[in-house]
Amino acid sequence: MGTTEFVVAGLLPQVAADFGTTVAQAGLSITVFAVGMIVGAPSTALLTLRLPRRLTLTLALAVYAVGHVVVGSTASFELLLAARFLTAVATGAFWAVGSVVAAHAAGPAASSRALGLVLGGGMLANVLGVPAGSLSGQLVGWRGTFWALAVLALVAAVAVVRLVPADGPGRVVPSVRAELRVLRSGRLWLTLATCAGITGGVLSVYSYVAPLVTDRAGLSPVVIPFALMAFGVAALVGSVVGGRLGDNHPYATCLVTAAASVLASAGIWAFSASPPALLGLFTLLGLVGLSANPVLVALAVRSGGDAPTLAAAMPTSIFNLGTAVGTGITSAALESGLGATAPAVVGTVSAVLVFLPLTTLTLLARRPAR
């Protein structure tokens, strides 16, 4: 599931050529997926509230597989976008419920660490899935990548049925009203604003790294999968380490990684014409850019109290709101005077704006909650 959202980043030229459109327009397949996650995570979290969690995870994987079959076989770009949206709704449901299951299993004292491992699965997609999908797309065509993802989803569904434990008899199903009550929390909204700013900046650079690598640095497209892999390895390490640090120092972890993200994004903007600098700073952005996400998800889940499902779904939704806004702005900026530097410009501005909600949240954390 982590692979499918951004595998298109390494396949944009092939998708654009297949449908007779521009790379910027092909990038809408990333944006529309993010929009589907925005809608899908909170809505399906509430709609499936009374379903057994194992069943919800299995159904989400089945819908995901169907969506990928459509993407891999359609000749219509509009239908591709619709299938990407459907797939994203299923993915949002999976992430929301999966986060609750992980946080509940680990307990409050280790929830950030557990969510760091869960989100590390998404980072592992960047290490293996996205580069492998990009490379296979160059070798056998981009459609084969989506067929492979459909098959893997069905295998994963069988694994979920066999290995994820059923809900215990003592599980208390909260009401929709109890879940919605968390939306009154100002601290939750500050946490979500931080989520949006972080992903909007980092993933704008990640999603449009292809023009940076080829147009600015003058490198071959063959380099793109390896750049994505380096980012993914660094992001996997950052997610696990960030989750561990976040259990004891949540706000300091977020502030330090946000500052490092500003430096990495600004460095890419300034030195993108130098291949070593571009690749090194892009890897650094992978290490620090998303490492606070497990901490932010844990803070959101904690704000939900005894009704954590919607609170856990909201970061998934907002992460993708940031992605949709960031990639949408970057898509437009690519066709402006900024050219290939647009991803780095958008990433730097977003990274700076993160400090507005994050600093406020940190100051409020020093005061007792109501």
Protein backbone atom coordinates (compact mmCIF):
# COMPACT_ATOMS: atom_id res chain seq x y z
CA MET A 1 0.00 0.00 0.00
CA GLY A 2 2.87 2.34 0.63
CA THR A 3 4.31 1.51 -2.78
CA THR A 4 1.25 2.36 -4.82
CA GLU A 5 0.94 6.01 -3.86
CA PHE A 6 4.37 7.07 -5.04
CA VAL A 7 5.45 4.40 -7.50
CA VAL A 8 4.03 6.72 -10.16
CA ALA A 9 6.79 9.21 -9.25
CA GLY A 10 9.30 7.04 -11.07
CA LEU A 11 6.91 6.18 -13.92
CA LEU A 12 5.62 9.65 -14.86
CA PRO A 13 7.33 9.83 -18.29
CA GLN A 14 5.97 6.39 -19.30
CA VAL A 15 2.44 7.12 -18.06
CA ALA A 16 2.42 10.50 -19.80
CA ALA A 17 3.61 8.97 -23.07
CA ASP A 18 1.06 6.13 -22.90
CA PHE A 19 -1.89 8.50 -22.47
CA GLY A 20 -0.56 11.29 -24.66
CA THR A 21 -0.38 13.88 -21.90
CA THR A 22 2.29 15.91 -20.09
CA VAL A 23 4.36 14.80 -17.11
CA ALA A 24 2.64 17.48 -15.02
CA GLN A 25 -0.80 16.09 -15.95
CA ALA A 26 0.33 12.51 -15.30
CA GLY A 27 1.35 13.69 -11.82
CA LEU A 28 -2.35 14.16 -11.09
CA SER A 29 -2.47 10.38 -10.53
CA ILE A 30 -0.47 11.07 -7.36
CA THR A 31 -2.63 14.02 -6.38
CA VAL A 32 -5.95 12.21 -6.88
CA PHE A 33 -4.68 9.30 -4.79
CA ALA A 34 -3.92 11.74 -1.99
CA VAL A 35 -7.44 13.18 -2.29
CA GLY A 36 -8.89 9.67 -2.00
CA MET A 37 -6.88 9.13 1.18
CA ILE A 38 -8.17 12.43 2.55
CA VAL A 39 -11.76 11.32 2.04
CA GLY A 40 -11.28 7.64 2.71
CA ALA A 41 -9.40 7.57 6.01
CA PRO A 42 -11.92 9.38 8.25
CA SER A 43 -15.10 8.32 6.43
CA THR A 44 -14.30 4.61 6.27
CA ALA A 45 -13.00 4.71 9.85
CA LEU A 46 -16.49 5.75 10.97
CA LEU A 47 -18.41 3.55 8.51
CA THR A 48 -16.52 0.41 9.59
CA LEU A 49 -16.52 1.29 13.29
CA ARG A 50 -18.66 -1.71 14.25
CA LEU A 51 -16.97 -4.20 11.91
CA PRO A 52 -14.28 -6.51 13.29
CA ARG A 53 -10.95 -4.84 12.64
CA ARG A 54 -9.51 -7.91 10.91
CA LEU A 55 -12.44 -7.93 8.47
CA THR A 56 -11.97 -4.23 7.73
CA LEU A 57 -8.30 -4.75 6.91
CA THR A 58 -9.10 -7.71 4.64
CA LEU A 59 -11.86 -5.89 2.73
CA ALA A 60 -9.58 -2.90 2.24
CA LEU A 61 -6.93 -5.09 0.62
CA ALA A 62 -9.52 -6.71 -1.68
CA VAL A 63 -10.79 -3.33 -2.93
CA TYR A 64 -7.18 -2.23 -3.35
CA ALA A 65 -6.51 -5.24 -5.60
CA VAL A 66 -9.55 -4.52 -7.79
CA GLY A 67 -8.48 -0.89 -8.22
CA HIS A 68 -5.05 -1.96 -9.42
CA VAL A 69 -6.49 -4.37 -11.97
CA VAL A 70 -8.45 -1.47 -13.45
CA VAL A 71 -5.39 0.82 -13.52
CA GLY A 72 -3.31 -1.87 -15.19
CA SER A 73 -5.82 -2.54 -17.96
CA THR A 74 -7.58 0.73 -18.81
CA ALA A 75 -6.96 2.86 -21.88
CA SER A 76 -8.77 5.86 -20.37
CA PHE A 77 -6.81 8.37 -18.29
CA GLU A 78 -10.03 9.48 -16.58
CA LEU A 79 -10.82 5.89 -15.55
CA LEU A 80 -7.25 5.53 -14.29
CA LEU A 81 -7.77 8.56 -12.05
CA ALA A 82 -11.09 7.15 -10.78
CA ALA A 83 -9.49 3.79 -9.99
CA ARG A 84 -6.64 5.52 -8.19
CA PHE A 85 -9.22 7.35 -6.08
CA LEU A 86 -11.01 4.11 -5.18
CA THR A 87 -7.71 2.45 -4.31
CA ALA A 88 -6.82 5.38 -2.07
CA VAL A 89 -10.10 5.12 -0.14
CA ALA A 90 -9.30 1.49 0.63
CA THR A 91 -5.74 2.38 1.59
CA GLY A 92 -6.97 5.08 3.95
CA ALA A 93 -9.22 2.58 5.71
CA PHE A 94 -6.35 0.14 6.11
CA TRP A 95 -3.94 2.69 7.56
CA ALA A 96 -6.50 4.12 9.98
CA VAL A 97 -7.54 0.80 11.46
CA GLY A 98 -4.01 -0.59 11.35
CA SER A 99 -2.71 2.35 13.40
CA VAL A 100 -5.30 1.76 16.10
CA VAL A 101 -4.48 -1.95 16.25
CA ALA A 102 -0.74 -1.23 16.56
CA ALA A 103 -1.10 1.49 19.20
CA HIS A 104 -3.49 -0.65 21.25
CA ALA A 105 -1.17 -3.66 21.10
CA ALA A 106 1.87 -1.67 22.24
CA GLY A 107 0.21 0.37 24.99
CA PRO A 108 0.61 4.12 25.70
CA ALA A 109 4.24 3.91 26.86
CA ALA A 110 5.46 2.47 23.54
CA SER A 111 2.86 3.71 21.07
CA SER A 112 5.25 6.02 19.19
CA ARG A 113 7.75 3.18 18.82
CA ALA A 114 5.07 0.80 17.54
CA LEU A 115 3.72 3.37 15.10
CA GLY A 116 7.28 4.03 13.97
CA LEU A 117 7.48 0.39 12.93
CA VAL A 118 4.07 0.50 11.25
CA LEU A 119 4.91 3.67 9.34
CA GLY A 120 8.30 2.09 8.67
CA GLY A 121 6.36 -0.28 6.43
CA GLY A 122 5.46 2.73 4.33
CA MET A 123 9.10 3.77 4.34
CA LEU A 124 10.12 0.24 3.35
CA ALA A 125 7.91 0.71 0.32
CA ASN A 126 10.17 3.61 -0.62
CA VAL A 127 13.25 1.43 -0.08
CA LEU A 128 12.06 -1.56 -2.12
CA GLY A 129 8.66 -1.07 -3.67
CA VAL A 130 8.90 2.31 -5.36
CA PRO A 131 12.40 1.86 -6.82
CA ALA A 132 11.59 -1.70 -7.89
CA GLY A 133 8.34 -0.52 -9.46
CA SER A 134 10.13 2.30 -11.23
CA LEU A 135 12.83 -0.04 -12.53
CA SER A 136 10.34 -2.71 -13.64
CA GLY A 137 8.29 -0.01 -15.35
CA GLN A 138 11.33 0.89 -17.44
CA LEU A 139 11.95 -2.77 -18.29
CA VAL A 140 8.48 -4.25 -18.89
CA GLY A 141 6.12 -1.26 -18.90
CA TRP A 142 4.41 0.65 -16.11
CA ARG A 143 1.21 -1.44 -16.28
CA GLY A 144 3.03 -4.57 -15.16
CA THR A 145 3.90 -2.81 -11.91
CA PHE A 146 0.22 -2.32 -11.08
CA TRP A 147 -0.69 -5.91 -11.93
CA ALA A 148 2.04 -7.10 -9.57
CA LEU A 149 0.67 -4.87 -6.79
CA ALA A 150 -2.80 -6.35 -7.27
CA VAL A 151 -1.44 -9.88 -6.81
CA LEU A 152 0.57 -8.87 -3.74
CA ALA A 153 -2.52 -7.30 -2.19
CA LEU A 154 -4.42 -10.58 -2.45
CA VAL A 155 -1.50 -12.43 -0.85
CA ALA A 156 -1.46 -9.85 1.94
CA ALA A 157 -5.20 -10.29 2.48
CA VAL A 158 -4.69 -14.00 3.10
CA ALA A 159 -1.88 -13.19 5.53
CA VAL A 160 -4.11 -10.74 7.44
CA VAL A 161 -6.85 -13.34 7.81
CA ARG A 162 -4.40 -15.92 9.11
CA LEU A 163 -2.17 -13.80 11.31
CA VAL A 164 -4.04 -10.74 12.65
CA PRO A 165 -5.87 -11.76 15.85
CA ALA A 166 -9.62 -11.37 16.05
CA ASP A 167 -11.11 -8.71 18.31
CA GLY A 168 -11.38 -9.92 21.87
CA PRO A 169 -14.78 -10.37 23.51
CA GLY A 170 -14.12 -7.38 25.76
CA ARG A 171 -13.68 -4.87 22.96
CA VAL A 172 -15.84 -1.79 23.52
CA VAL A 173 -17.08 -0.24 20.28
CA PRO A 174 -17.29 3.54 20.75
CA SER A 175 -20.18 5.48 19.28
CA VAL A 176 -19.84 7.80 16.31
CA ARG A 177 -20.65 10.69 18.65
CA ALA A 178 -17.77 9.74 20.94
CA GLU A 179 -15.43 9.55 17.96
CA LEU A 180 -16.53 12.94 16.64
CA ARG A 181 -15.99 14.54 20.03
CA VAL A 182 -12.22 14.49 19.47
CA LEU A 183 -12.63 17.06 16.70
CA ARG A 184 -13.14 19.70 19.41
CA SER A 185 -9.50 19.39 20.47
CA GLY A 186 -7.37 22.37 19.47
CA ARG A 187 -4.20 20.39 20.08
CA LEU A 188 -5.39 17.74 17.64
CA TRP A 189 -5.84 20.36 14.91
CA LEU A 190 -2.40 21.83 15.58
CA THR A 191 -0.96 18.31 15.29
CA LEU A 192 -2.82 17.81 12.01
CA ALA A 193 -1.62 21.16 10.63
CA THR A 194 1.94 20.05 11.38
CA CYS A 195 1.27 16.75 9.58
CA ALA A 196 0.04 18.60 6.49
CA GLY A 197 2.99 20.96 6.36
CA ILE A 198 5.58 18.21 6.74
CA THR A 199 4.24 15.90 4.06
CA GLY A 200 3.32 18.75 1.73
CA GLY A 201 6.92 19.89 1.65
CA VAL A 202 8.83 16.61 1.70
CA LEU A 203 6.64 14.72 -0.73
CA SER A 204 6.50 17.56 -3.22
CA VAL A 205 10.24 17.12 -3.63
CA TYR A 206 9.98 13.32 -3.59
CA SER A 207 7.11 13.09 -6.09
CA TYR A 208 8.82 15.34 -8.66
CA VAL A 209 12.42 14.30 -8.18
CA ALA A 210 12.52 13.13 -11.81
CA PRO A 211 12.80 16.64 -13.33
CA LEU A 212 15.35 17.60 -10.67
CA VAL A 213 17.52 14.59 -11.54
CA THR A 214 17.25 14.85 -15.33
CA ASP A 215 16.66 18.54 -16.12
CA ARG A 216 18.63 20.26 -13.33
CA ALA A 217 21.42 17.79 -12.55
CA GLY A 218 21.64 16.48 -16.12
CA LEU A 219 21.64 12.83 -15.06
CA SER A 220 20.17 9.82 -16.90
CA PRO A 221 16.64 8.65 -15.97
CA VAL A 222 18.30 5.38 -14.88
CA VAL A 223 19.49 7.27 -11.77
CA ILE A 224 15.92 8.00 -10.60
CA PRO A 225 15.17 4.55 -9.07
CA PHE A 226 18.44 4.64 -7.14
CA ALA A 227 17.75 8.14 -5.85
CA LEU A 228 14.32 6.95 -4.70
CA MET A 229 15.90 3.93 -3.04
CA ALA A 230 18.42 6.08 -1.14
CA PHE A 231 15.58 8.32 0.05
CA GLY A 232 13.59 5.26 1.13
CA VAL A 233 16.44 3.68 3.09
CA ALA A 234 17.05 6.95 4.90
CA ALA A 235 13.32 7.42 5.56
CA LEU A 236 13.00 3.91 6.98
CA VAL A 237 15.84 4.60 9.42
CA GLY A 238 14.38 8.00 10.27
CA SER A 239 10.92 6.58 10.96
CA VAL A 240 12.18 3.92 13.37
CA VAL A 241 14.60 6.27 15.16
CA GLY A 242 12.03 9.06 15.29
CA GLY A 243 9.48 6.71 16.84
CA ARG A 244 11.95 5.65 19.53
CA LEU A 245 12.97 9.22 20.38
CA GLY A 246 9.38 10.41 20.29
CA ASP A 247 8.20 8.28 23.22
CA ASN A 248 10.36 10.35 25.60
CA HIS A 249 10.91 13.63 23.72
CA PRO A 250 7.99 14.11 21.31
CA TYR A 251 8.12 17.87 20.79
CA ALA A 252 11.91 18.19 20.69
CA THR A 253 12.02 15.41 18.10
CA CYS A 254 9.51 17.22 15.90
CA LEU A 255 11.29 20.60 16.18
CA VAL A 256 14.76 19.24 15.39
CA THR A 257 13.61 17.24 12.37
CA ALA A 258 11.60 20.21 11.07
CA ALA A 259 14.69 22.43 11.22
CA ALA A 260 16.77 19.81 9.43
CA SER A 261 14.10 19.54 6.72
CA VAL A 262 14.32 23.27 6.05
CA LEU A 263 18.09 23.00 5.56
CA ALA A 264 17.80 19.94 3.28
CA SER A 265 15.06 21.44 1.08
CA ALA A 266 16.82 24.80 0.80
CA GLY A 267 20.06 23.00 -0.06
CA ILE A 268 18.35 21.10 -2.88
CA TRP A 269 17.00 24.40 -4.18
CA ALA A 270 20.43 26.03 -4.11
CA PHE A 271 22.61 23.12 -5.30
CA SER A 272 20.33 21.04 -7.53
CA ALA A 273 22.62 21.59 -10.52
CA SER A 274 25.34 19.59 -8.75
CA PRO A 275 24.62 15.84 -8.97
CA PRO A 276 26.50 14.87 -5.75
CA ALA A 277 24.89 17.67 -3.75
CA LEU A 278 21.42 16.92 -5.10
CA LEU A 279 21.60 13.20 -4.35
CA GLY A 280 23.17 13.73 -0.91
CA LEU A 281 20.64 16.36 0.17
CA PHE A 282 17.74 14.32 -1.22
CA THR A 283 18.90 11.41 0.94
CA LEU A 284 19.19 13.71 3.96
CA LEU A 285 15.64 14.90 3.35
CA GLY A 286 14.53 11.27 3.43
CA LEU A 287 16.27 10.75 6.77
CA VAL A 288 14.76 13.74 8.58
CA GLY A 289 11.73 14.77 6.57
CA LEU A 290 9.18 12.16 7.71
CA SER A 291 10.82 10.96 10.92
CA ALA A 292 8.41 12.93 13.12
CA ASN A 293 5.33 11.28 11.60
CA PRO A 294 5.13 8.39 14.14
CA VAL A 295 5.28 10.93 16.96
CA LEU A 296 2.50 13.03 15.44
CA VAL A 297 0.28 9.98 14.88
CA ALA A 298 0.85 8.90 18.49
CA LEU A 299 -0.10 12.38 19.73
CA ALA A 300 -3.27 12.25 17.64
CA VAL A 301 -4.23 8.76 18.87
CA ARG A 302 -3.60 9.88 22.46
CA SER A 303 -5.97 12.80 22.00
CA GLY A 304 -8.77 10.36 21.12
CA GLY A 305 -8.75 8.70 24.54
CA ASP A 306 -11.21 5.79 24.61
CA ALA A 307 -12.44 6.59 21.08
CA PRO A 308 -9.21 6.65 19.06
CA THR A 309 -10.30 5.40 15.62
CA LEU A 310 -11.19 8.75 14.06
CA ALA A 311 -8.24 10.43 15.79
CA ALA A 312 -5.95 7.81 14.26
CA ALA A 313 -7.56 8.24 10.84
CA MET A 314 -7.18 12.01 10.78
CA PRO A 315 -3.36 12.08 10.42
CA THR A 316 -3.60 9.67 7.47
CA SER A 317 -6.12 12.00 5.89
CA ILE A 318 -4.16 15.15 6.65
CA PHE A 319 -0.83 13.68 5.56
CA ASN A 320 -2.44 13.23 2.18
CA LEU A 321 -4.10 16.65 2.24
CA GLY A 322 -0.60 18.03 2.52
CA THR A 323 0.52 15.75 -0.31
CA ALA A 324 -2.41 16.79 -2.52
CA VAL A 325 -1.86 20.50 -1.93
CA GLY A 326 1.92 20.26 -2.19
CA THR A 327 2.01 18.16 -5.36
CA GLY A 328 -0.80 20.23 -6.89
CA ILE A 329 1.11 23.47 -6.30
CA THR A 330 4.31 21.86 -7.54
CA SER A 331 2.60 20.60 -10.69
CA ALA A 332 1.52 24.15 -11.50
CA ALA A 333 4.89 25.62 -10.52
CA LEU A 334 6.74 23.24 -12.85
CA GLU A 335 5.12 25.03 -15.77
CA SER A 336 6.06 28.47 -14.40
CA GLY A 337 9.36 30.32 -14.49
CA LEU A 338 10.66 28.15 -11.64
CA GLY A 339 10.92 25.16 -13.97
CA ALA A 340 12.59 22.08 -12.54
CA THR A 341 13.49 23.87 -9.28
CA ALA A 342 9.78 24.12 -8.38
CA PRO A 343 9.74 21.00 -6.14
CA ALA A 344 12.58 22.35 -4.00
CA VAL A 345 10.99 25.81 -3.75
CA VAL A 346 7.64 24.38 -2.64
CA GLY A 347 9.41 22.03 -0.23
CA THR A 348 11.38 24.83 1.41
CA VAL A 349 8.38 27.12 1.88
CA SER A 350 6.29 24.29 3.35
CA ALA A 351 9.09 23.28 5.73
CA VAL A 352 9.31 26.83 7.08
CA LEU A 353 5.53 27.11 7.55
CA VAL A 354 5.54 23.93 9.68
CA PHE A 355 6.99 25.93 12.55
CA LEU A 356 3.79 27.96 12.98
CA PRO A 357 1.56 25.11 14.28
CA LEU A 358 4.44 23.10 15.72
CA THR A 359 5.75 25.90 17.92
CA THR A 360 2.24 26.67 19.16
CA LEU A 361 1.66 22.99 19.92
CA THR A 362 4.95 22.79 21.83
CA LEU A 363 4.09 25.83 23.95
CA LEU A 364 0.61 24.48 24.73
CA ALA A 365 2.10 21.13 25.76
CA ARG A 366 3.77 22.86 28.69
CA ARG A 367 0.37 23.79 30.05
CA PRO A 368 -2.02 21.22 31.54
CA ALA A 369 -4.77 20.03 29.22
CA ARG A 370 -8.38 20.88 30.01
